[in-house]
Amino acid sequence: MKKVFYLNTCDTCRKILAQFDLTDWELREIKKQPITKEELTEMHTLTKSYEALFSRKSTQIKLRGLDVKSLGEKDFKELLLDHYTFLKRPVFMTDKEIFVGNDKKNVEVLQAFFNVN
């Protein structure tokens, strides 16, 4: 299994995806096809944390008046399933590895992954 979860309206996601040959990857646009409970469980198994999957840049945080510092793992899980913008993106996921987000370090590790595989 190789999946990429991304947002089509996100320039950063499109820029990152354009760097790689994703021919044999399943591309999932999370606004049109939100992540499922099963997929979130798979992501959690690889990250060991719902918080690691949570985007602190989501516009929904301010709209809902959320205090992110007071949230627990259960809260992060519920929010991730509730609205697509809470997922830090893009997420590249295989059976054994996961790459979450667009920070420079993560993208460099992802580039190394694609060069090896």
N, C-alpha and C. Protein backbone atom coordinates (compact mmCIF):
# COMPACT_ATOMS: atom_id res chain seq x y z
N MET A 1 0.82 -1.17 0.00
CA MET A 1 0.00 0.00 0.00
C MET A 1 0.88 1.25 0.00
N LYS A 2 0.60 2.13 -0.93
CA LYS A 2 1.28 3.42 -0.97
C LYS A 2 0.22 4.47 -1.25
N LYS A 3 0.04 5.39 -0.29
CA LYS A 3 -0.98 6.42 -0.42
C LYS A 3 -0.40 7.78 -0.12
N VAL A 4 -0.95 8.78 -0.81
CA VAL A 4 -0.62 10.17 -0.53
C VAL A 4 -1.92 10.89 -0.23
N PHE A 5 -1.97 11.52 0.93
CA PHE A 5 -3.12 12.32 1.32
C PHE A 5 -2.72 13.78 1.19
N TYR A 6 -3.50 14.53 0.42
CA TYR A 6 -3.12 15.91 0.13
C TYR A 6 -4.37 16.75 -0.09
N LEU A 7 -4.17 18.05 -0.20
CA LEU A 7 -5.25 18.98 -0.49
C LEU A 7 -4.92 19.66 -1.81
N ASN A 8 -5.81 19.53 -2.77
CA ASN A 8 -5.56 20.05 -4.11
C ASN A 8 -5.44 21.56 -4.15
N THR A 9 -6.05 22.26 -3.22
CA THR A 9 -5.99 23.73 -3.20
C THR A 9 -4.75 24.24 -2.49
N CYS A 10 -3.93 23.34 -1.99
CA CYS A 10 -2.71 23.72 -1.26
C CYS A 10 -1.52 23.75 -2.22
N ASP A 11 -1.00 24.94 -2.46
CA ASP A 11 0.15 25.09 -3.37
C ASP A 11 1.35 24.28 -2.91
N THR A 12 1.59 24.25 -1.61
CA THR A 12 2.73 23.51 -1.06
C THR A 12 2.58 22.03 -1.34
N CYS A 13 1.39 21.49 -1.15
CA CYS A 13 1.15 20.07 -1.45
C CYS A 13 1.43 19.77 -2.92
N ARG A 14 0.89 20.59 -3.79
CA ARG A 14 1.09 20.37 -5.23
C ARG A 14 2.56 20.44 -5.60
N LYS A 15 3.27 21.38 -5.00
CA LYS A 15 4.71 21.54 -5.28
C LYS A 15 5.49 20.29 -4.84
N ILE A 16 5.17 19.78 -3.66
CA ILE A 16 5.85 18.59 -3.14
C ILE A 16 5.51 17.37 -3.99
N LEU A 17 4.24 17.17 -4.30
CA LEU A 17 3.84 16.02 -5.10
C LEU A 17 4.49 16.02 -6.48
N ALA A 18 4.68 17.20 -7.05
CA ALA A 18 5.27 17.33 -8.40
C ALA A 18 6.72 16.85 -8.45
N GLN A 19 7.37 16.76 -7.30
CA GLN A 19 8.78 16.34 -7.25
C GLN A 19 8.97 14.84 -7.45
N PHE A 20 7.90 14.06 -7.32
CA PHE A 20 8.04 12.61 -7.26
C PHE A 20 7.23 11.89 -8.33
N ASP A 21 7.70 10.69 -8.68
CA ASP A 21 6.96 9.81 -9.58
C ASP A 21 5.96 9.04 -8.72
N LEU A 22 4.71 9.40 -8.82
CA LEU A 22 3.66 8.80 -7.99
C LEU A 22 2.78 7.84 -8.77
N THR A 23 3.34 7.28 -9.83
CA THR A 23 2.60 6.38 -10.71
C THR A 23 1.93 5.25 -9.96
N ASP A 24 2.64 4.60 -9.04
CA ASP A 24 2.06 3.46 -8.33
C ASP A 24 1.56 3.83 -6.92
N TRP A 25 1.27 5.09 -6.72
CA TRP A 25 0.73 5.56 -5.45
C TRP A 25 -0.75 5.91 -5.62
N GLU A 26 -1.54 5.64 -4.59
CA GLU A 26 -2.93 6.07 -4.57
C GLU A 26 -2.96 7.51 -4.08
N LEU A 27 -3.51 8.40 -4.89
CA LEU A 27 -3.60 9.81 -4.52
C LEU A 27 -4.98 10.09 -3.95
N ARG A 28 -5.00 10.64 -2.73
CA ARG A 28 -6.27 10.94 -2.07
C ARG A 28 -6.38 12.42 -1.76
N GLU A 29 -7.30 13.07 -2.43
CA GLU A 29 -7.59 14.47 -2.17
C GLU A 29 -8.54 14.50 -0.99
N ILE A 30 -8.06 14.97 0.16
CA ILE A 30 -8.79 14.78 1.42
C ILE A 30 -10.05 15.63 1.56
N LYS A 31 -10.20 16.64 0.74
CA LYS A 31 -11.45 17.41 0.80
C LYS A 31 -12.57 16.63 0.11
N LYS A 32 -12.24 15.99 -1.00
CA LYS A 32 -13.23 15.21 -1.75
C LYS A 32 -13.45 13.84 -1.12
N GLN A 33 -12.38 13.26 -0.58
CA GLN A 33 -12.43 11.93 0.01
C GLN A 33 -11.75 11.97 1.38
N PRO A 34 -12.48 12.36 2.41
CA PRO A 34 -11.86 12.47 3.75
C PRO A 34 -11.25 11.15 4.22
N ILE A 35 -10.29 11.27 5.12
CA ILE A 35 -9.66 10.06 5.66
C ILE A 35 -10.69 9.28 6.48
N THR A 36 -10.54 7.98 6.47
CA THR A 36 -11.45 7.11 7.22
C THR A 36 -10.85 6.80 8.59
N LYS A 37 -11.67 6.24 9.47
CA LYS A 37 -11.18 5.83 10.79
C LYS A 37 -10.05 4.82 10.64
N GLU A 38 -10.21 3.91 9.69
CA GLU A 38 -9.21 2.86 9.47
C GLU A 38 -7.88 3.47 9.02
N GLU A 39 -7.96 4.44 8.10
CA GLU A 39 -6.74 5.09 7.62
C GLU A 39 -6.06 5.89 8.73
N LEU A 40 -6.87 6.56 9.54
CA LEU A 40 -6.30 7.31 10.66
C LEU A 40 -5.63 6.36 11.66
N THR A 41 -6.23 5.20 11.87
CA THR A 41 -5.63 4.20 12.75
C THR A 41 -4.30 3.72 12.18
N GLU A 42 -4.23 3.52 10.85
CA GLU A 42 -2.98 3.11 10.21
C GLU A 42 -1.91 4.19 10.39
N MET A 43 -2.31 5.45 10.20
CA MET A 43 -1.38 6.56 10.38
C MET A 43 -0.88 6.61 11.82
N HIS A 44 -1.80 6.42 12.77
CA HIS A 44 -1.44 6.46 14.19
C HIS A 44 -0.48 5.33 14.54
N THR A 45 -0.68 4.17 13.95
CA THR A 45 0.21 3.03 14.20
C THR A 45 1.65 3.38 13.81
N LEU A 46 1.80 4.14 12.73
CA LEU A 46 3.14 4.51 12.26
C LEU A 46 3.73 5.71 13.00
N THR A 47 2.89 6.65 13.41
CA THR A 47 3.40 7.86 14.09
C THR A 47 3.38 7.72 15.60
N LYS A 48 2.52 6.84 16.12
CA LYS A 48 2.32 6.65 17.56
C LYS A 48 1.71 7.89 18.23
N SER A 49 1.12 8.78 17.41
CA SER A 49 0.58 10.02 17.97
C SER A 49 -0.41 10.66 17.01
N TYR A 50 -1.59 10.98 17.53
CA TYR A 50 -2.54 11.76 16.72
C TYR A 50 -2.08 13.20 16.62
N GLU A 51 -1.44 13.67 17.66
CA GLU A 51 -0.95 15.05 17.66
C GLU A 51 0.06 15.28 16.53
N ALA A 52 0.87 14.27 16.23
CA ALA A 52 1.87 14.38 15.16
C ALA A 52 1.21 14.55 13.79
N LEU A 53 -0.04 14.14 13.67
CA LEU A 53 -0.78 14.25 12.41
C LEU A 53 -1.59 15.54 12.33
N PHE A 54 -1.65 16.27 13.43
CA PHE A 54 -2.53 17.43 13.56
C PHE A 54 -1.84 18.71 13.08
N SER A 55 -2.55 19.44 12.22
CA SER A 55 -2.02 20.71 11.71
C SER A 55 -2.40 21.85 12.63
N ARG A 56 -1.41 22.48 13.20
CA ARG A 56 -1.65 23.63 14.07
C ARG A 56 -1.92 24.90 13.27
N LYS A 57 -1.89 24.76 11.94
CA LYS A 57 -2.15 25.91 11.06
C LYS A 57 -3.58 25.91 10.52
N SER A 58 -4.37 24.92 10.91
CA SER A 58 -5.74 24.83 10.43
C SER A 58 -6.54 26.07 10.81
N THR A 59 -7.26 26.60 9.84
CA THR A 59 -8.11 27.77 10.11
C THR A 59 -9.26 27.41 11.05
N GLN A 60 -9.56 26.13 11.15
CA GLN A 60 -10.64 25.68 12.02
C GLN A 60 -10.32 25.88 13.51
N ILE A 61 -9.06 25.96 13.85
CA ILE A 61 -8.66 26.16 15.25
C ILE A 61 -9.24 27.48 15.76
N LYS A 62 -8.99 28.53 15.02
CA LYS A 62 -9.48 29.85 15.42
C LYS A 62 -11.01 29.92 15.31
N LEU A 63 -11.56 29.39 14.22
CA LEU A 63 -13.01 29.41 14.02
C LEU A 63 -13.77 28.72 15.15
N ARG A 64 -13.18 27.66 15.68
CA ARG A 64 -13.84 26.89 16.75
C ARG A 64 -13.39 27.33 18.14
N GLY A 65 -12.47 28.28 18.19
CA GLY A 65 -11.98 28.76 19.48
C GLY A 65 -11.26 27.69 20.28
N LEU A 66 -10.49 26.86 19.61
CA LEU A 66 -9.80 25.75 20.28
C LEU A 66 -8.51 26.21 20.95
N ASP A 67 -8.25 25.67 22.12
CA ASP A 67 -6.98 25.87 22.80
C ASP A 67 -6.18 24.58 22.59
N VAL A 68 -5.31 24.58 21.59
CA VAL A 68 -4.59 23.38 21.20
C VAL A 68 -3.77 22.80 22.36
N LYS A 69 -3.24 23.66 23.21
CA LYS A 69 -2.41 23.20 24.33
C LYS A 69 -3.20 22.33 25.31
N SER A 70 -4.51 22.51 25.34
CA SER A 70 -5.33 21.76 26.29
C SER A 70 -5.88 20.46 25.70
N LEU A 71 -5.59 20.20 24.44
CA LEU A 71 -6.13 19.01 23.78
C LEU A 71 -5.32 17.76 24.10
N GLY A 72 -6.02 16.64 24.19
CA GLY A 72 -5.37 15.34 24.39
C GLY A 72 -5.44 14.52 23.12
N GLU A 73 -4.86 13.33 23.16
CA GLU A 73 -4.84 12.45 21.99
C GLU A 73 -6.24 12.15 21.46
N LYS A 74 -7.18 11.91 22.37
CA LYS A 74 -8.56 11.62 21.96
C LYS A 74 -9.16 12.81 21.22
N ASP A 75 -8.88 14.02 21.69
CA ASP A 75 -9.37 15.24 21.03
C ASP A 75 -8.77 15.37 19.63
N PHE A 76 -7.46 15.15 19.52
CA PHE A 76 -6.80 15.23 18.21
C PHE A 76 -7.43 14.23 17.23
N LYS A 77 -7.67 13.01 17.72
CA LYS A 77 -8.27 11.98 16.87
C LYS A 77 -9.64 12.43 16.37
N GLU A 78 -10.48 12.91 17.27
CA GLU A 78 -11.83 13.34 16.89
C GLU A 78 -11.79 14.50 15.89
N LEU A 79 -10.90 15.45 16.12
CA LEU A 79 -10.79 16.60 15.22
C LEU A 79 -10.29 16.19 13.84
N LEU A 80 -9.32 15.27 13.80
CA LEU A 80 -8.79 14.78 12.53
C LEU A 80 -9.88 14.11 11.69
N LEU A 81 -10.77 13.40 12.37
CA LEU A 81 -11.86 12.74 11.66
C LEU A 81 -12.99 13.70 11.30
N ASP A 82 -13.08 14.79 12.04
CA ASP A 82 -14.18 15.74 11.87
C ASP A 82 -13.99 16.68 10.67
N HIS A 83 -12.76 17.14 10.44
CA HIS A 83 -12.56 18.13 9.37
C HIS A 83 -11.19 17.93 8.71
N TYR A 84 -11.19 17.92 7.39
CA TYR A 84 -9.98 17.62 6.62
C TYR A 84 -8.82 18.59 6.88
N THR A 85 -9.10 19.85 7.24
CA THR A 85 -7.99 20.80 7.41
C THR A 85 -7.16 20.53 8.66
N PHE A 86 -7.64 19.66 9.53
CA PHE A 86 -6.85 19.35 10.73
C PHE A 86 -5.68 18.40 10.43
N LEU A 87 -5.70 17.74 9.27
CA LEU A 87 -4.61 16.83 8.92
C LEU A 87 -3.41 17.62 8.40
N LYS A 88 -2.26 17.41 9.02
CA LYS A 88 -1.02 18.01 8.54
C LYS A 88 -0.70 17.33 7.21
N ARG A 89 -0.40 18.11 6.20
CA ARG A 89 -0.26 17.53 4.88
C ARG A 89 0.93 18.09 4.11
N PRO A 90 1.32 17.34 3.09
CA PRO A 90 0.80 16.05 2.64
C PRO A 90 1.27 14.92 3.57
N VAL A 91 0.58 13.79 3.45
CA VAL A 91 0.96 12.58 4.18
C VAL A 91 1.26 11.51 3.14
N PHE A 92 2.49 11.03 3.13
CA PHE A 92 2.91 9.92 2.29
C PHE A 92 2.97 8.71 3.20
N MET A 93 2.25 7.64 2.86
CA MET A 93 2.19 6.48 3.75
C MET A 93 2.38 5.18 2.98
N THR A 94 3.27 4.34 3.50
CA THR A 94 3.44 2.99 2.98
C THR A 94 3.07 2.04 4.12
N ASP A 95 3.26 0.75 3.90
CA ASP A 95 2.95 -0.21 4.96
C ASP A 95 3.86 -0.04 6.17
N LYS A 96 5.07 0.48 5.96
CA LYS A 96 6.05 0.55 7.04
C LYS A 96 6.49 1.96 7.41
N GLU A 97 6.22 2.94 6.54
CA GLU A 97 6.73 4.29 6.78
C GLU A 97 5.66 5.34 6.54
N ILE A 98 5.86 6.47 7.21
CA ILE A 98 4.95 7.60 7.02
C ILE A 98 5.77 8.89 7.05
N PHE A 99 5.39 9.80 6.18
CA PHE A 99 6.03 11.12 6.10
C PHE A 99 4.90 12.14 6.20
N VAL A 100 4.92 12.94 7.26
CA VAL A 100 3.81 13.84 7.56
C VAL A 100 4.26 15.29 7.49
N GLY A 101 3.56 16.06 6.68
CA GLY A 101 3.79 17.50 6.66
C GLY A 101 4.76 17.97 5.61
N ASN A 102 4.94 19.29 5.62
CA ASN A 102 5.74 19.91 4.56
C ASN A 102 6.97 20.64 5.07
N ASP A 103 7.36 20.37 6.33
CA ASP A 103 8.56 21.06 6.80
C ASP A 103 9.79 20.55 6.04
N LYS A 104 10.79 21.38 5.97
CA LYS A 104 11.96 21.12 5.13
C LYS A 104 12.62 19.78 5.46
N LYS A 105 12.78 19.48 6.72
CA LYS A 105 13.43 18.23 7.14
C LYS A 105 12.65 17.01 6.65
N ASN A 106 11.33 17.06 6.80
CA ASN A 106 10.49 15.96 6.36
C ASN A 106 10.58 15.77 4.84
N VAL A 107 10.56 16.84 4.09
CA VAL A 107 10.64 16.76 2.63
C VAL A 107 12.00 16.18 2.21
N GLU A 108 13.07 16.53 2.91
CA GLU A 108 14.39 15.97 2.60
C GLU A 108 14.41 14.46 2.84
N VAL A 109 13.81 14.01 3.92
CA VAL A 109 13.74 12.57 4.22
C VAL A 109 12.90 11.87 3.16
N LEU A 110 11.83 12.51 2.75
CA LEU A 110 10.96 11.96 1.70
C LEU A 110 11.72 11.85 0.37
N GLN A 111 12.50 12.86 0.04
CA GLN A 111 13.31 12.82 -1.18
C GLN A 111 14.30 11.66 -1.13
N ALA A 112 14.93 11.45 0.00
CA ALA A 112 15.86 10.34 0.16
C ALA A 112 15.12 9.00 0.01
N PHE A 113 13.92 8.90 0.55
CA PHE A 113 13.10 7.70 0.44
C PHE A 113 12.83 7.39 -1.04
N PHE A 114 12.44 8.39 -1.80
CA PHE A 114 12.14 8.17 -3.22
C PHE A 114 13.40 7.83 -4.00
N ASN A 115 14.54 8.36 -3.63
CA ASN A 115 15.78 8.04 -4.32
C ASN A 115 16.24 6.62 -4.08
N VAL A 116 15.90 6.06 -2.90
CA VAL A 116 16.29 4.70 -2.56
C VAL A 116 15.31 3.70 -3.17
N ASN A 117 14.03 4.04 -3.18
CA ASN A 117 12.99 3.09 -3.63
C ASN A 117 12.64 3.22 -5.06
